[in-house]
């Protein structure tokens, strides 16, 4: 389980690093070859940005069911999640791919966002649809320094979605 650290803190595989803070739009294989926001792959360079998933690693984690903690693929019998996401127009959506059970336990110990959520950990449900999050406009140019118009939008992060009736999640 290859896990990066910074200053004694565990850094998830899909976290961005300040050394990756350059953006461009180009085709991305994890977005089915569509135009997508991309940045260099330099994990461990600079400082981690915990609340900002790396665009490409996040998309890859969704498409390949890779653990967001260690980056390895999760086998069907070892996929877990903390039910993080939101309900939207009859769907439950999350930008989080599953994690291995051992990585979930590691995250519970080290991630301030997950502390106290041990009771939410459960097996990852199957049958999700993959949704492409489309980004464009002035906010993209302001936040990433890349001009992306509504006429030629880009893919940002991916989401997994289930009909809300598929399972029960605390609202």
C-alpha atoms as a PDB file:
ATOM      1  CA  UNK A   1       0.000   0.000   0.000  1.00  0.00           C
ATOM      2  CA  UNK A   2       2.067   2.986  -1.270  1.00  0.00           C
ATOM      3  CA  UNK A   3       0.956   6.035   0.724  1.00  0.00           C
ATOM      4  CA  UNK A   4       2.640   9.452   0.563  1.00  0.00           C
ATOM      5  CA  UNK A   5       3.202  11.623   3.589  1.00  0.00           C
ATOM      6  CA  UNK A   6       4.083  15.241   4.240  1.00  0.00           C
ATOM      7  CA  UNK A   7       5.256  16.591   7.577  1.00  0.00           C
ATOM      8  CA  UNK A   8       4.071  13.444   9.301  1.00  0.00           C
ATOM      9  CA  UNK A   9       0.592  13.606   7.719  1.00  0.00           C
ATOM     10  CA  UNK A  10      -0.719  10.856   5.442  1.00  0.00           C
ATOM     11  CA  UNK A  11      -1.548  12.275   2.002  1.00  0.00           C
ATOM     12  CA  UNK A  12      -4.212  10.520  -0.108  1.00  0.00           C
ATOM     13  CA  UNK A  13      -3.197   9.394  -3.600  1.00  0.00           C
ATOM     14  CA  UNK A  14      -5.739  11.639  -5.301  1.00  0.00           C
ATOM     15  CA  UNK A  15      -4.794  14.849  -3.437  1.00  0.00           C
ATOM     16  CA  UNK A  16      -3.288  17.690  -5.454  1.00  0.00           C
ATOM     17  CA  UNK A  17       0.150  19.083  -4.685  1.00  0.00           C
ATOM     18  CA  UNK A  18       1.312  22.668  -5.161  1.00  0.00           C
ATOM     19  CA  UNK A  19       3.888  21.323  -7.660  1.00  0.00           C
ATOM     20  CA  UNK A  20       0.956  20.314  -9.887  1.00  0.00           C
ATOM     21  CA  UNK A  21      -0.684  23.756  -9.910  1.00  0.00           C
ATOM     22  CA  UNK A  22      -0.577  24.351 -13.697  1.00  0.00           C
ATOM     23  CA  UNK A  23      -3.635  23.641 -15.789  1.00  0.00           C
ATOM     24  CA  UNK A  24      -4.531  23.032 -19.400  1.00  0.00           C
ATOM     25  CA  UNK A  25      -7.390  21.510 -21.347  1.00  0.00           C
ATOM     26  CA  UNK A  26      -6.608  18.462 -23.455  1.00  0.00           C
ATOM     27  CA  UNK A  27      -8.125  15.069 -24.253  1.00  0.00           C
ATOM     28  CA  UNK A  28      -8.034  12.726 -21.262  1.00  0.00           C
ATOM     29  CA  UNK A  29      -8.249   8.957 -21.528  1.00  0.00           C
ATOM     30  CA  UNK A  30     -10.033   8.813 -18.139  1.00  0.00           C
ATOM     31  CA  UNK A  31     -12.731  11.091 -19.603  1.00  0.00           C
ATOM     32  CA  UNK A  32     -13.182   8.849 -22.660  1.00  0.00           C
ATOM     33  CA  UNK A  33     -10.879  11.065 -24.746  1.00  0.00           C
ATOM     34  CA  UNK A  34     -13.000  14.191 -24.236  1.00  0.00           C
ATOM     35  CA  UNK A  35     -11.563  17.651 -23.526  1.00  0.00           C
ATOM     36  CA  UNK A  36     -10.774  17.775 -19.831  1.00  0.00           C
ATOM     37  CA  UNK A  37      -8.966  19.908 -17.268  1.00  0.00           C
ATOM     38  CA  UNK A  38      -5.487  18.463 -16.736  1.00  0.00           C
ATOM     39  CA  UNK A  39      -2.418  19.282 -14.678  1.00  0.00           C
ATOM     40  CA  UNK A  40       1.037  17.712 -14.342  1.00  0.00           C
ATOM     41  CA  UNK A  41       1.441  14.452 -12.453  1.00  0.00           C
ATOM     42  CA  UNK A  42       3.930  15.343  -9.694  1.00  0.00           C
ATOM     43  CA  UNK A  43       2.661  13.800  -6.447  1.00  0.00           C
ATOM     44  CA  UNK A  44       5.010  14.623  -3.600  1.00  0.00           C
ATOM     45  CA  UNK A  45       6.264  17.858  -5.217  1.00  0.00           C
ATOM     46  CA  UNK A  46       5.492  20.919  -3.101  1.00  0.00           C
ATOM     47  CA  UNK A  47       2.814  20.817  -0.415  1.00  0.00           C
ATOM     48  CA  UNK A  48      -0.352  18.721  -0.466  1.00  0.00           C
ATOM     49  CA  UNK A  49      -3.706  20.398  -1.059  1.00  0.00           C
ATOM     50  CA  UNK A  50      -5.995  17.994   0.774  1.00  0.00           C
ATOM     51  CA  UNK A  51      -9.375  19.443  -0.193  1.00  0.00           C
ATOM     52  CA  UNK A  52      -8.541  19.674  -3.901  1.00  0.00           C
ATOM     53  CA  UNK A  53      -8.395  16.338  -5.730  1.00  0.00           C
ATOM     54  CA  UNK A  54      -6.003  16.179  -8.690  1.00  0.00           C
ATOM     55  CA  UNK A  55      -8.234  16.256 -11.792  1.00  0.00           C
ATOM     56  CA  UNK A  56      -6.614  13.351 -13.642  1.00  0.00           C
ATOM     57  CA  UNK A  57      -6.097  11.075 -10.623  1.00  0.00           C
ATOM     58  CA  UNK A  58      -9.682  11.713  -9.504  1.00  0.00           C
ATOM     59  CA  UNK A  59     -11.068  10.754 -12.912  1.00  0.00           C
ATOM     60  CA  UNK A  60      -8.833   7.686 -13.031  1.00  0.00           C
ATOM     61  CA  UNK A  61      -9.981   6.634  -9.551  1.00  0.00           C
ATOM     62  CA  UNK A  62     -13.612   6.721 -10.687  1.00  0.00           C
ATOM     63  CA  UNK A  63     -13.070   4.961 -14.026  1.00  0.00           C
ATOM     64  CA  UNK A  64     -10.839   2.207 -12.607  1.00  0.00           C
ATOM     65  CA  UNK A  65     -12.312   1.990  -9.072  1.00  0.00           C
ATOM     66  CA  UNK A  66      -8.945   2.958  -7.592  1.00  0.00           C
ATOM     67  CA  UNK A  67      -8.588   3.581  -3.878  1.00  0.00           C
ATOM     68  CA  UNK A  68      -8.364   7.313  -3.197  1.00  0.00           C
ATOM     69  CA  UNK A  69      -5.955   6.656  -0.332  1.00  0.00           C
ATOM     70  CA  UNK A  70      -3.293   4.378  -1.899  1.00  0.00           C
ATOM     71  CA  UNK A  71      -4.136   4.537  -5.625  1.00  0.00           C
ATOM     72  CA  UNK A  72      -4.312   0.768  -6.166  1.00  0.00           C
ATOM     73  CA  UNK A  73      -7.358  -0.779  -7.828  1.00  0.00           C
ATOM     74  CA  UNK A  74      -9.997  -2.028  -5.413  1.00  0.00           C
ATOM     75  CA  UNK A  75     -11.139  -5.603  -6.047  1.00  0.00           C
ATOM     76  CA  UNK A  76     -14.915  -6.089  -6.044  1.00  0.00           C
ATOM     77  CA  UNK A  77     -14.799  -7.815  -2.623  1.00  0.00           C
ATOM     78  CA  UNK A  78     -12.800  -5.013  -0.983  1.00  0.00           C
ATOM     79  CA  UNK A  79     -14.624  -1.787  -1.872  1.00  0.00           C
ATOM     80  CA  UNK A  80     -15.733   0.473   0.962  1.00  0.00           C
ATOM     81  CA  UNK A  81     -16.992   4.042   1.365  1.00  0.00           C
ATOM     82  CA  UNK A  82     -18.149   6.582   3.922  1.00  0.00           C
ATOM     83  CA  UNK A  83     -21.366   7.541   2.075  1.00  0.00           C
ATOM     84  CA  UNK A  84     -19.977  10.974   1.226  1.00  0.00           C
ATOM     85  CA  UNK A  85     -21.994  12.728  -1.456  1.00  0.00           C
ATOM     86  CA  UNK A  86     -25.245  14.505  -2.065  1.00  0.00           C
ATOM     87  CA  UNK A  87     -28.788  13.967  -3.275  1.00  0.00           C
ATOM     88  CA  UNK A  88     -29.662  15.877  -6.444  1.00  0.00           C
ATOM     89  CA  UNK A  89     -32.887  15.559  -8.443  1.00  0.00           C
ATOM     90  CA  UNK A  90     -33.606  11.944  -7.495  1.00  0.00           C
ATOM     91  CA  UNK A  91     -29.989  10.791  -7.597  1.00  0.00           C
ATOM     92  CA  UNK A  92     -27.305  10.262  -4.980  1.00  0.00           C
ATOM     93  CA  UNK A  93     -23.934  11.411  -6.332  1.00  0.00           C
ATOM     94  CA  UNK A  94     -20.374  11.216  -5.078  1.00  0.00           C
ATOM     95  CA  UNK A  95     -17.001  12.252  -6.470  1.00  0.00           C
ATOM     96  CA  UNK A  96     -15.379   9.640  -4.201  1.00  0.00           C
ATOM     97  CA  UNK A  97     -14.312   6.265  -5.519  1.00  0.00           C
ATOM     98  CA  UNK A  98     -14.163   3.297  -3.151  1.00  0.00           C
ATOM     99  CA  UNK A  99     -11.293   2.555  -0.776  1.00  0.00           C
ATOM    100  CA  UNK A 100      -9.798  -0.684   0.528  1.00  0.00           C
ATOM    101  CA  UNK A 101     -10.949  -1.608   4.044  1.00  0.00           C
ATOM    102  CA  UNK A 102      -7.390  -1.194   5.416  1.00  0.00           C
ATOM    103  CA  UNK A 103      -7.120   2.226   3.726  1.00  0.00           C
ATOM    104  CA  UNK A 104     -10.509   3.256   5.156  1.00  0.00           C
ATOM    105  CA  UNK A 105      -9.244   2.401   8.631  1.00  0.00           C
ATOM    106  CA  UNK A 106      -6.052   4.390   7.984  1.00  0.00           C
ATOM    107  CA  UNK A 107      -8.143   7.352   6.793  1.00  0.00           C
ATOM    108  CA  UNK A 108     -10.326   7.170   9.907  1.00  0.00           C
ATOM    109  CA  UNK A 109      -7.220   7.566  12.055  1.00  0.00           C
ATOM    110  CA  UNK A 110      -5.599  10.390  10.085  1.00  0.00           C
ATOM    111  CA  UNK A 111      -8.216  12.398   8.167  1.00  0.00           C
ATOM    112  CA  UNK A 112      -9.883  15.166  10.200  1.00  0.00           C
ATOM    113  CA  UNK A 113     -12.816  15.150   7.737  1.00  0.00           C
ATOM    114  CA  UNK A 114     -13.517  11.458   8.454  1.00  0.00           C
ATOM    115  CA  UNK A 115     -13.007  11.370  12.222  1.00  0.00           C
ATOM    116  CA  UNK A 116     -16.144  10.167  13.928  1.00  0.00           C
ATOM    117  CA  UNK A 117     -17.539   8.551  10.754  1.00  0.00           C
ATOM    118  CA  UNK A 118     -16.548   4.937  11.528  1.00  0.00           C
ATOM    119  CA  UNK A 119     -20.244   4.088  11.758  1.00  0.00           C
ATOM    120  CA  UNK A 120     -20.765   5.318   8.195  1.00  0.00           C
ATOM    121  CA  UNK A 121     -18.218   2.908   6.694  1.00  0.00           C
ATOM    122  CA  UNK A 122     -19.950   0.271   4.612  1.00  0.00           C
ATOM    123  CA  UNK A 123     -19.470  -1.799   1.483  1.00  0.00           C
ATOM    124  CA  UNK A 124     -19.482   0.228  -1.712  1.00  0.00           C
ATOM    125  CA  UNK A 125     -22.710  -0.320  -3.670  1.00  0.00           C
ATOM    126  CA  UNK A 126     -22.553  -1.604  -7.226  1.00  0.00           C
ATOM    127  CA  UNK A 127     -24.509  -0.420 -10.217  1.00  0.00           C
ATOM    128  CA  UNK A 128     -23.339   3.201 -10.320  1.00  0.00           C
ATOM    129  CA  UNK A 129     -23.444   5.362 -13.434  1.00  0.00           C
ATOM    130  CA  UNK A 130     -20.446   7.589 -14.224  1.00  0.00           C
ATOM    131  CA  UNK A 131     -21.308  11.267 -14.745  1.00  0.00           C
ATOM    132  CA  UNK A 132     -19.030  13.865 -16.309  1.00  0.00           C
ATOM    133  CA  UNK A 133     -18.906  17.202 -14.513  1.00  0.00           C
ATOM    134  CA  UNK A 134     -18.768  19.949 -17.173  1.00  0.00           C
ATOM    135  CA  UNK A 135     -16.886  23.144 -16.352  1.00  0.00           C
ATOM    136  CA  UNK A 136     -16.692  26.451 -18.218  1.00  0.00           C
ATOM    137  CA  UNK A 137     -16.856  30.187 -17.740  1.00  0.00           C
ATOM    138  CA  UNK A 138     -15.212  33.005 -15.845  1.00  0.00           C
ATOM    139  CA  UNK A 139     -14.793  31.021 -12.623  1.00  0.00           C
ATOM    140  CA  UNK A 140     -12.676  28.406 -14.437  1.00  0.00           C
ATOM    141  CA  UNK A 141     -10.435  31.120 -15.875  1.00  0.00           C
ATOM    142  CA  UNK A 142     -10.190  32.835 -12.475  1.00  0.00           C
ATOM    143  CA  UNK A 143      -9.476  29.639 -10.516  1.00  0.00           C
ATOM    144  CA  UNK A 144      -7.281  27.772 -13.006  1.00  0.00           C
ATOM    145  CA  UNK A 145      -5.987  30.377 -15.462  1.00  0.00           C
ATOM    146  CA  UNK A 146      -7.526  28.540 -18.408  1.00  0.00           C
ATOM    147  CA  UNK A 147     -10.160  30.030 -20.713  1.00  0.00           C
ATOM    148  CA  UNK A 148     -12.936  27.458 -21.158  1.00  0.00           C
ATOM    149  CA  UNK A 149     -16.088  28.676 -22.889  1.00  0.00           C
ATOM    150  CA  UNK A 150     -19.617  27.327 -22.802  1.00  0.00           C
ATOM    151  CA  UNK A 151     -19.217  26.564 -26.520  1.00  0.00           C
ATOM    152  CA  UNK A 152     -16.189  24.372 -25.789  1.00  0.00           C
ATOM    153  CA  UNK A 153     -16.537  23.222 -22.169  1.00  0.00           C
ATOM    154  CA  UNK A 154     -14.208  20.786 -20.450  1.00  0.00           C
ATOM    155  CA  UNK A 155     -14.683  17.832 -18.160  1.00  0.00           C
ATOM    156  CA  UNK A 156     -13.703  18.525 -14.548  1.00  0.00           C
ATOM    157  CA  UNK A 157     -14.172  15.723 -12.044  1.00  0.00           C
ATOM    158  CA  UNK A 158     -16.241  12.596 -12.512  1.00  0.00           C
ATOM    159  CA  UNK A 159     -19.043  11.460 -10.249  1.00  0.00           C
ATOM    160  CA  UNK A 160     -20.652   8.143  -9.488  1.00  0.00           C
ATOM    161  CA  UNK A 161     -24.443   8.243  -9.286  1.00  0.00           C
ATOM    162  CA  UNK A 162     -27.235   5.922  -8.193  1.00  0.00           C
ATOM    163  CA  UNK A 163     -30.990   6.522  -8.203  1.00  0.00           C
ATOM    164  CA  UNK A 164     -31.820   7.805  -4.713  1.00  0.00           C
ATOM    165  CA  UNK A 165     -34.163   4.846  -4.261  1.00  0.00           C
ATOM    166  CA  UNK A 166     -31.232   2.417  -4.753  1.00  0.00           C
ATOM    167  CA  UNK A 167     -30.170   2.606  -1.092  1.00  0.00           C
ATOM    168  CA  UNK A 168     -30.677   4.571   2.093  1.00  0.00           C
ATOM    169  CA  UNK A 169     -28.207   7.256   3.085  1.00  0.00           C
ATOM    170  CA  UNK A 170     -28.612   9.697   5.967  1.00  0.00           C
ATOM    171  CA  UNK A 171     -29.602  13.091   4.597  1.00  0.00           C
END
